[in-house]
Structures are given as C-alpha cells and as structure tokens.
Protein backbone atom coordinates (compact mmCIF):
# COMPACT_ATOMS: atom_id res chain seq x y z
CA UNK A 1 3.37 5.46 8.69
CA UNK A 2 1.37 3.06 6.63
CA UNK A 3 -1.61 4.72 4.83
CA UNK A 4 -4.51 2.77 3.95
CA UNK A 5 -8.37 3.23 2.86
CA UNK A 6 -11.22 1.91 4.97
CA UNK A 7 -15.11 1.61 3.67
CA UNK A 8 -17.87 2.38 5.56
CA UNK A 9 -21.15 1.51 3.51
CA UNK A 10 -19.23 2.07 0.45
CA UNK A 11 -17.60 5.35 1.48
CA UNK A 12 -14.05 5.98 1.42
CA UNK A 13 -12.28 7.08 4.96
CA UNK A 14 -8.73 7.48 4.76
CA UNK A 15 -6.68 6.07 7.54
CA UNK A 16 -2.95 5.42 8.58
CA UNK A 17 -1.36 3.69 11.20
CA UNK A 18 1.08 5.98 13.63
CA UNK A 19 2.55 4.35 16.79
CA UNK A 20 0.60 1.06 16.23
CA UNK A 21 -2.82 2.60 16.04
CA UNK A 22 -5.12 3.86 13.29
CA UNK A 23 -5.57 7.30 12.69
CA UNK A 24 -8.71 8.27 10.66
CA UNK A 25 -9.25 11.28 8.37
CA UNK A 26 -11.96 13.61 10.39
CA UNK A 27 -13.31 15.36 7.07
CA UNK A 28 -13.87 11.82 5.69
CA UNK A 29 -15.62 10.63 8.71
CA UNK A 30 -17.85 13.60 8.69
CA UNK A 31 -18.70 13.57 5.01
CA UNK A 32 -19.94 9.61 5.59
CA UNK A 33 -22.13 10.74 8.35
CA UNK A 34 -23.42 14.05 7.27
CA UNK A 35 -23.16 13.73 3.53
CA UNK A 36 -22.11 17.21 3.59
CA UNK A 37 -20.77 18.66 0.15
CA UNK A 38 -18.32 20.75 1.92
CA UNK A 39 -17.01 18.51 4.88
CA UNK A 40 -14.00 20.91 5.52
CA UNK A 41 -16.53 24.06 6.46
CA UNK A 42 -18.77 21.41 8.56
CA UNK A 43 -15.73 20.51 10.40
CA UNK A 44 -14.46 23.93 10.66
CA UNK A 45 -17.96 25.32 12.28
CA UNK A 46 -18.48 22.22 14.13
CA UNK A 47 -15.23 23.11 16.24
CA UNK A 48 -16.49 26.62 16.87
CA UNK A 49 -19.74 25.24 17.72
CA UNK A 50 -18.66 22.32 20.31
CA UNK A 51 -15.79 24.58 21.92
CA UNK A 52 -18.89 27.45 22.60
CA UNK A 53 -20.95 24.82 23.79
CA UNK A 54 -18.76 22.38 25.50
CA UNK A 55 -15.84 24.38 26.34
CA UNK A 56 -13.86 21.60 24.33
CA UNK A 57 -11.69 22.36 21.38
CA UNK A 58 -11.64 19.15 19.10
CA UNK A 59 -8.12 20.22 17.53
CA UNK A 60 -6.83 19.23 20.94
CA UNK A 61 -7.30 15.59 19.82
CA UNK A 62 -6.32 15.61 16.47
CA UNK A 63 -2.96 15.60 14.81
CA UNK A 64 -2.19 16.70 11.07
CA UNK A 65 -0.82 13.80 9.29
CA UNK A 66 0.00 13.41 5.67
CA UNK A 67 -2.76 11.27 3.56
CA UNK A 68 -3.34 10.89 0.05
CA UNK A 69 -5.56 14.00 -1.39
CA UNK A 70 -7.65 13.67 -4.51
CA UNK A 71 -4.95 15.44 -6.46
CA UNK A 72 -2.51 12.47 -5.85
CA UNK A 73 -0.47 14.37 -3.74
CA UNK A 74 0.07 13.38 0.17
CA UNK A 75 -1.24 16.46 1.88
CA UNK A 76 -1.87 17.28 5.74
CA UNK A 77 -5.07 16.72 7.04
CA UNK A 78 -6.69 16.51 10.93
CA UNK A 79 -6.71 12.84 11.80
CA UNK A 80 -7.71 11.16 15.03
CA UNK A 81 -7.35 7.93 16.45
CA UNK A 82 -10.25 5.69 17.30
CA UNK A 83 -11.11 7.35 20.92
CA UNK A 84 -10.59 10.79 19.33
CA UNK A 85 -13.06 9.64 16.37
CA UNK A 86 -15.58 8.40 18.89
CA UNK A 87 -15.80 11.64 20.81
CA UNK A 88 -15.97 13.78 17.59
CA UNK A 89 -18.80 11.57 16.35
CA UNK A 90 -20.57 12.31 19.48
CA UNK A 91 -20.88 15.78 18.56
CA UNK A 92 -22.29 14.88 14.85
CA UNK A 93 -26.13 14.28 14.61
CA UNK A 94 -26.45 11.83 12.25
CA UNK A 95 -28.60 8.65 11.92
CA UNK A 96 -25.50 6.93 11.14
CA UNK A 97 -23.65 7.42 14.15
CA UNK A 98 -24.48 4.33 16.11
CA UNK A 99 -23.69 1.82 13.10
CA UNK A 100 -20.42 3.81 12.51
CA UNK A 101 -19.25 3.40 16.04
CA UNK A 102 -19.81 -0.17 15.52
CA UNK A 103 -17.87 -0.20 12.57
CA UNK A 104 -15.35 2.04 14.00
CA UNK A 105 -14.95 -0.47 17.08
CA UNK A 106 -14.39 -3.41 14.89
CA UNK A 107 -11.60 -1.78 12.73
CA UNK A 108 -9.94 -0.81 15.75
CA UNK A 109 -10.11 -4.08 17.01
CA UNK A 110 -8.83 -5.85 14.10
CA UNK A 111 -5.86 -4.23 13.88
CA UNK A 112 -4.90 -4.39 17.61
CA UNK A 113 -5.35 -7.96 16.99
CA UNK A 114 -3.24 -7.94 14.02
CA UNK A 115 -0.28 -6.43 15.93
CA UNK A 116 -0.58 -8.97 18.77
CA UNK A 117 -0.66 -11.97 15.94
CA UNK A 118 0.75 -10.59 12.53
CA UNK A 119 -0.67 -14.28 10.85
CA UNK A 120 -4.22 -12.69 11.14
CA UNK A 121 -2.96 -9.59 9.01
CA UNK A 122 -1.70 -12.38 6.54
CA UNK A 123 -5.13 -14.34 6.60
CA UNK A 124 -7.10 -10.79 6.05
CA UNK A 125 -4.79 -10.02 2.69
CA UNK A 126 -5.15 -13.99 1.35
CA UNK A 127 -8.89 -13.41 1.72
CA UNK A 128 -8.96 -10.03 0.00
CA UNK A 129 -7.31 -11.49 -3.06
CA UNK A 130 -9.56 -14.25 -3.03
CA UNK A 131 -12.65 -11.99 -2.91
CA UNK A 132 -11.31 -10.07 -5.64
CA UNK A 133 -11.32 -13.46 -7.88
CA UNK A 134 -7.51 -14.23 -7.73
CA UNK A 135 -6.92 -18.05 -7.98
CA UNK A 136 -4.98 -19.73 -5.20
CA UNK A 137 -2.23 -20.31 -7.20
CA UNK A 138 -1.38 -16.81 -7.82
CA UNK A 139 -2.38 -15.64 -4.28
CA UNK A 140 0.53 -18.35 -2.84
CA UNK A 141 2.80 -16.68 -4.90
CA UNK A 142 1.98 -12.94 -3.98
CA UNK A 143 2.15 -13.73 -0.33
CA UNK A 144 5.19 -15.24 -1.02
CA UNK A 145 6.47 -12.13 -2.93
CA UNK A 146 5.14 -10.01 0.06
CA UNK A 147 7.46 -11.68 2.63
CA UNK A 148 10.32 -11.39 0.41
CA UNK A 149 9.85 -7.94 -0.14
CA UNK A 150 9.64 -7.32 3.76
CA UNK A 151 12.93 -9.03 4.23
CA UNK A 152 14.48 -6.98 1.59
CA UNK A 153 13.12 -3.54 2.92
CA UNK A 154 14.21 -4.75 6.46
CA UNK A 155 17.58 -4.79 5.09
CA UNK A 156 17.38 -1.69 3.49
CA UNK A 157 16.30 0.23 6.77
CA UNK A 158 19.24 -1.63 8.82
CA UNK A 159 21.73 -0.67 6.32
CA UNK A 160 21.33 2.95 5.52
CA UNK A 161 18.45 3.45 2.95
CA UNK A 162 15.67 5.88 4.34
CA UNK A 163 12.06 5.27 3.92
CA UNK A 164 10.33 6.07 0.61
CA UNK A 165 12.54 7.87 -1.86
CA UNK A 166 15.67 5.38 -1.33
CA UNK A 167 13.15 2.57 -1.32
CA UNK A 168 11.85 3.82 -4.74
CA UNK A 169 15.18 4.15 -6.28
CA UNK A 170 16.46 0.52 -5.13
CA UNK A 171 13.20 -1.19 -6.32
CA UNK A 172 13.25 0.52 -9.69
CA UNK A 173 16.92 -0.55 -10.18
CA UNK A 174 16.06 -4.33 -9.47
CA UNK A 175 12.92 -3.86 -11.66
CA UNK A 176 14.76 -2.30 -14.47
CA UNK A 177 17.53 -5.20 -14.35
CA UNK A 178 15.25 -7.69 -14.07
CA UNK A 179 12.96 -6.91 -16.84
CA UNK A 180 14.38 -4.24 -18.94
CA UNK A 181 11.97 -1.47 -18.00
CA UNK A 182 11.25 0.85 -15.49
CA UNK A 183 8.40 0.72 -13.17
CA UNK A 184 6.57 3.64 -14.87
CA UNK A 185 7.16 1.91 -18.16
CA UNK A 186 6.39 -1.28 -16.82
CA UNK A 187 2.73 0.22 -15.81
CA UNK A 188 2.44 1.73 -18.99
CA UNK A 189 2.52 -1.70 -20.71
CA UNK A 190 -0.31 -2.80 -18.38
CA UNK A 191 -2.32 0.29 -18.88
CA UNK A 192 -2.07 0.96 -15.07
CA UNK A 193 -2.51 4.17 -13.40
CA UNK A 194 -2.67 4.17 -9.60
CA UNK A 195 -3.14 0.46 -9.35
CA UNK A 196 -0.26 -2.04 -7.56
CA UNK A 197 1.65 -3.24 -10.57
CA UNK A 198 2.47 -6.57 -8.82
CA UNK A 199 -1.13 -7.27 -8.31
CA UNK A 200 -1.37 -7.21 -11.81
CA UNK A 201 1.79 -9.41 -12.63
CA UNK A 202 1.46 -13.09 -14.02
CA UNK A 203 2.75 -16.03 -12.39
CA UNK A 204 6.36 -16.19 -14.38
CA UNK A 205 6.46 -12.15 -13.54
CA UNK A 206 6.05 -12.62 -9.73
CA UNK A 207 8.74 -15.17 -9.84
CA UNK A 208 11.20 -13.27 -11.50
CA UNK A 209 10.37 -10.32 -9.39
CA UNK A 210 11.01 -12.81 -6.22
CA UNK A 211 14.17 -13.82 -7.63
CA UNK A 212 15.67 -10.48 -8.15
CA UNK A 213 14.65 -9.20 -4.74
CA UNK A 214 15.79 -12.12 -2.76
CA UNK A 215 19.01 -12.09 -4.85
CA UNK A 216 19.52 -8.70 -3.72
CA UNK A 217 18.98 -9.59 -0.02
CA UNK A 218 21.52 -12.30 -0.05
CA UNK A 219 24.19 -9.95 -1.62
CA UNK A 220 23.25 -7.33 1.15
CA UNK A 221 23.92 -9.79 3.77
CA UNK A 222 26.99 -11.90 2.41
CA UNK A 223 28.83 -8.40 1.53
CA UNK A 224 27.50 -6.82 4.81
CA UNK A 225 26.41 -3.76 2.47
CA UNK A 226 26.22 -0.16 3.81
CA UNK A 227 25.05 3.14 2.39
CA UNK A 228 22.80 3.72 -0.75
CA UNK A 229 25.50 3.64 -3.22
CA UNK A 230 26.21 0.29 -2.42
CA UNK A 231 22.77 -0.76 -1.91
CA UNK A 232 22.33 0.50 -5.12
CA UNK A 233 25.00 -1.24 -6.52
CA UNK A 234 23.78 -4.58 -4.92
CA UNK A 235 20.14 -3.82 -6.35
CA UNK A 236 21.38 -4.05 -9.93
CA UNK A 237 23.45 -6.89 -9.39
CA UNK A 238 20.37 -8.93 -7.95
CA UNK A 239 18.32 -7.57 -10.60
CA UNK A 240 20.85 -8.87 -13.28
CA UNK A 241 20.89 -12.38 -11.97
CA UNK A 242 16.96 -12.57 -12.26
CA UNK A 243 17.22 -10.67 -15.65
CA UNK A 244 19.58 -13.37 -16.92
CA UNK A 245 17.36 -16.14 -15.70
CA UNK A 246 14.42 -14.55 -17.60
CA UNK A 247 16.33 -14.01 -20.79
CA UNK A 248 17.27 -17.61 -20.91
CA UNK A 249 13.49 -18.69 -20.37
CA UNK A 250 12.35 -16.03 -22.81
CA UNK A 251 14.74 -17.48 -25.53
CA UNK A 252 13.65 -20.98 -24.90
CA UNK A 253 9.87 -20.63 -24.90
CA UNK A 254 10.16 -17.90 -27.67
CA UNK A 255 7.99 -15.00 -26.01
CA UNK A 256 8.67 -12.19 -23.60
CA UNK A 257 7.84 -12.38 -19.81
CA UNK A 258 6.48 -9.02 -19.48
CA UNK A 259 2.84 -8.82 -21.20
CA UNK A 260 -0.06 -6.42 -21.48
CA UNK A 261 -1.83 -9.06 -19.41
CA UNK A 262 -3.29 -7.92 -16.05
CA UNK A 263 -5.63 -8.89 -13.48
CA UNK A 264 -8.28 -6.29 -14.91
CA UNK A 265 -8.09 -7.92 -18.19
CA UNK A 266 -7.00 -11.40 -17.54
CA UNK A 267 -10.22 -12.66 -18.72
CA UNK A 268 -9.45 -11.67 -22.13
CA UNK A 269 -6.61 -12.81 -24.10
CA UNK A 270 -4.05 -9.97 -24.35
CA UNK A 271 -1.19 -9.44 -26.91
CA UNK A 272 2.16 -9.72 -25.50
CA UNK A 273 4.25 -6.59 -26.05
CA UNK A 274 7.95 -6.80 -27.20
CA UNK A 275 10.42 -4.85 -25.59
CA UNK A 276 14.19 -4.64 -25.32
C-alpha cells in the first residue's frame, strides 16, 4: 500500500492505495466535515444512529488499514474507498458535504487516470515540486532519481527482498557506502525530522545518490543476485563505486559533498559540515 495525505480546504485527510484505488481515513473525513473535537466518538455514535434509522451498518463498507497516526506510528484505522466515503458523507449533516463530494470525485478520478496513464503522475509530481519553489534543473535530477529508484526497488522485489524493512536496510547500505553516513546521521546533518531526505539534497548529492543506486541495479542484473544477503553485498558494492567517485571529487574541489544545505534553508548560505 502507498500511504499519502490529501488536503481539503487546508485540512489533512490520510489516504492509501489498495488494489489500485484510494482508501480514505473515515475519522479524518468526519473531522473536516463536522469540525468535531472527537471525530472517533462521532463516528462511533454515527454508526449506531445509521444502523438504527436505516438498518445499514457503515462498518460493512470499511476496512481496517494501517495509516500514519499522530504519534508517528502506523496504526489500523477505519478506511473506505471513494464509493464508501460518498455513502458515509450522505449520513453526515454538514454544509461542507457537497463541496467535499466534488473534491472527492476529482481526487478519485485523478488517481484512476494516473493508473491508466502513468505519465500524468509524473507531471503531477513535477508540478508539485515547482509549486514548492524548486528550480527546474533540480526537478530534472530529482525525477530522474525517482525513476532510477523505482528500477532498483523492482529488482529487489523480484530478487527476494520483502517490502519496507528489507528495502530500508538495502537503501541504508548504499547511502552509507556512498556518503559515509547513515540515513539517520544524514538527516541530523540537514536538521530534518520527518521530511524526505532526497527532497533536501543538493545537485551533487542527488547525482551521487543516483550513481550508487544505478550501480547497484547493474550489479544485481549482471550477477543475477538472489536473496537479501547477496543484495546487501551488492548494495555496498554499488555504494562504494559512488563513494569512491564522491571522494575523488571532494579531493579536487576541497570541500565535502554532504552539507547542511537543504531546501528549507537554501536561501541562506549554510556552513559545510565535515564528516569522516
């Protein structure tokens, strides 16, 4: 599943993709429609009311899916697909119901169109980066990096790695070999918390990240690697290739590639942070 955040009139609604369709957090939808201070309690009482009045049980159109909770952990919560949310909204007295339905229809439609034509998803990502103020040259590198990353994760999936945990281990192996720091250390250098590390890399950081991941992909294919231990060995080898190139450039330009510079503070000249 691919967890995301949608925004309706400035308020966050958690959503995730399951079997090529969006599923939305019911309590988040109720919160934006009712401004309830306790949307979980509202949802609990609403289920009882609807069952008593209409003989319909809203829980039957929901599924418990894991979404990111306020405490930062993935927790199961009631979710419904676009059709299910439409049905639930009909039972919520709110002046926001109609504009929300139009918003929901558009969000669902956009996802369907992106599944039919993946290029639309790429265009949307480019636009989002542009709206955030990233320069075109950076966006081109970031998009290329995304494509290289997707190729690599496809190889991992086909060669025995399981989602999430194995991917994190393999990614960390490449990053450490490439830059000499772990992902956690890298985020501390850039003063990041939950932000996406790659969205705050500079040009050269992105380039060496791509080199490490692309080299790893080629090694997997050339050696027909199978199983996590071998994939991990390949990941270090691919990262070492990028790391050696990075060290050669640093020696020539006499400064480290990894720096405190990030998108949040790119308008300010940040100090370079040395590392081993």
